[in-house]
Amino acid sequence: MYVTVAHVETAEVVRHLGPYDTAAAARTAAGEHAGQPLTWSRDPETWHAEKFPLSYHVPADPPIELP
């Protein structure tokens, strides 16, 4: 699991962070990179957060199937 770091205005990818075992670990690392906790939003496939001028994107973990 990697964090994609992009420029907000141009969407240019400036860095990848990782790998991490889970989306939660990747989101925590992104906050450390940003220098502050980030507020995350999720669509079905991706977590995303912003600290201008950068945006952070993490693939969502697949759903857990219960027996």
C-alpha atoms as a PDB file:
ATOM      1  CA  MET A   1       0.000   0.000   0.000  1.00  0.00           C
ATOM      2  CA  TYR A   2       1.495   3.341  -1.088  1.00  0.00           C
ATOM      3  CA  VAL A   3       0.589   6.984  -0.502  1.00  0.00           C
ATOM      4  CA  THR A   4       0.551   9.092  -3.661  1.00  0.00           C
ATOM      5  CA  VAL A   5       1.466  12.716  -2.975  1.00  0.00           C
ATOM      6  CA  ALA A   6       0.363  15.175  -5.664  1.00  0.00           C
ATOM      7  CA  HIS A   7       0.309  18.932  -6.169  1.00  0.00           C
ATOM      8  CA  VAL A   8      -3.247  20.220  -5.587  1.00  0.00           C
ATOM      9  CA  GLU A   9      -3.363  22.677  -8.491  1.00  0.00           C
ATOM     10  CA  THR A  10      -1.568  20.645 -11.180  1.00  0.00           C
ATOM     11  CA  ALA A  11      -2.267  17.059 -10.013  1.00  0.00           C
ATOM     12  CA  GLU A  12       1.412  16.335 -10.732  1.00  0.00           C
ATOM     13  CA  VAL A  13       2.609  13.384  -8.643  1.00  0.00           C
ATOM     14  CA  VAL A  14       5.549  14.598  -6.589  1.00  0.00           C
ATOM     15  CA  ARG A  15       6.251  11.554  -4.407  1.00  0.00           C
ATOM     16  CA  HIS A  16       5.197   8.084  -3.337  1.00  0.00           C
ATOM     17  CA  LEU A  17       5.469   7.026   0.296  1.00  0.00           C
ATOM     18  CA  GLY A  18       5.578   3.407   1.383  1.00  0.00           C
ATOM     19  CA  PRO A  19       5.053   0.554   1.159  1.00  0.00           C
ATOM     20  CA  TYR A  20       2.751   0.078   4.160  1.00  0.00           C
ATOM     21  CA  ASP A  21       0.814  -2.987   5.262  1.00  0.00           C
ATOM     22  CA  THR A  22      -2.592  -1.291   5.505  1.00  0.00           C
ATOM     23  CA  ALA A  23      -4.418   1.834   4.396  1.00  0.00           C
ATOM     24  CA  ALA A  24      -4.536   2.956   8.043  1.00  0.00           C
ATOM     25  CA  ALA A  25      -0.739   2.751   8.320  1.00  0.00           C
ATOM     26  CA  ALA A  26      -0.369   4.647   5.040  1.00  0.00           C
ATOM     27  CA  ARG A  27      -2.730   7.399   6.218  1.00  0.00           C
ATOM     28  CA  THR A  28      -0.793   7.735   9.488  1.00  0.00           C
ATOM     29  CA  ALA A  29       2.492   8.037   7.582  1.00  0.00           C
ATOM     30  CA  ALA A  30       0.992  10.693   5.301  1.00  0.00           C
ATOM     31  CA  GLY A  31       0.090  12.769   8.347  1.00  0.00           C
ATOM     32  CA  GLU A  32       3.640  12.446   9.629  1.00  0.00           C
ATOM     33  CA  HIS A  33       4.932  13.557   6.215  1.00  0.00           C
ATOM     34  CA  ALA A  34       2.536  16.532   6.245  1.00  0.00           C
ATOM     35  CA  GLY A  35       3.680  17.477   9.742  1.00  0.00           C
ATOM     36  CA  GLN A  36       0.169  17.333  11.194  1.00  0.00           C
ATOM     37  CA  PRO A  37      -2.814  14.998  11.432  1.00  0.00           C
ATOM     38  CA  LEU A  38      -4.852  15.016   8.221  1.00  0.00           C
ATOM     39  CA  THR A  39      -8.621  14.899   7.820  1.00  0.00           C
ATOM     40  CA  TRP A  40      -9.427  12.083   5.406  1.00  0.00           C
ATOM     41  CA  SER A  41     -12.395  11.555   3.087  1.00  0.00           C
ATOM     42  CA  ARG A  42     -13.186   8.296   1.372  1.00  0.00           C
ATOM     43  CA  ASP A  43     -14.835   7.349  -1.872  1.00  0.00           C
ATOM     44  CA  PRO A  44     -15.355   3.637  -2.614  1.00  0.00           C
ATOM     45  CA  GLU A  45     -11.787   3.118  -3.864  1.00  0.00           C
ATOM     46  CA  THR A  46      -9.580   5.847  -2.366  1.00  0.00           C
ATOM     47  CA  TRP A  47      -8.874   7.808   0.800  1.00  0.00           C
ATOM     48  CA  HIS A  48      -7.841  11.429   0.163  1.00  0.00           C
ATOM     49  CA  ALA A  49      -6.708  14.425   2.206  1.00  0.00           C
ATOM     50  CA  GLU A  50      -5.158  17.822   1.506  1.00  0.00           C
ATOM     51  CA  LYS A  51      -2.620  20.087   3.116  1.00  0.00           C
ATOM     52  CA  PHE A  52      -2.116  22.828   0.552  1.00  0.00           C
ATOM     53  CA  PRO A  53      -0.223  22.687  -1.761  1.00  0.00           C
ATOM     54  CA  LEU A  54      -0.210  18.870  -1.553  1.00  0.00           C
ATOM     55  CA  SER A  55      -2.900  16.214  -1.696  1.00  0.00           C
ATOM     56  CA  TYR A  56      -2.514  12.686  -0.350  1.00  0.00           C
ATOM     57  CA  HIS A  57      -4.207   9.613  -1.865  1.00  0.00           C
ATOM     58  CA  VAL A  58      -4.321   6.086  -0.427  1.00  0.00           C
ATOM     59  CA  PRO A  59      -6.131   3.101  -1.973  1.00  0.00           C
ATOM     60  CA  ALA A  60      -8.878   1.827   0.330  1.00  0.00           C
ATOM     61  CA  ASP A  61      -8.467  -1.609   1.861  1.00  0.00           C
ATOM     62  CA  PRO A  62     -10.780  -4.188   0.288  1.00  0.00           C
ATOM     63  CA  PRO A  63     -13.912  -4.901   2.342  1.00  0.00           C
ATOM     64  CA  ILE A  64     -13.641  -7.647   4.921  1.00  0.00           C
ATOM     65  CA  GLU A  65     -15.978 -10.523   4.183  1.00  0.00           C
ATOM     66  CA  LEU A  66     -17.530 -11.985   7.297  1.00  0.00           C
ATOM     67  CA  PRO A  67     -18.254 -15.711   7.446  1.00  0.00           C
END
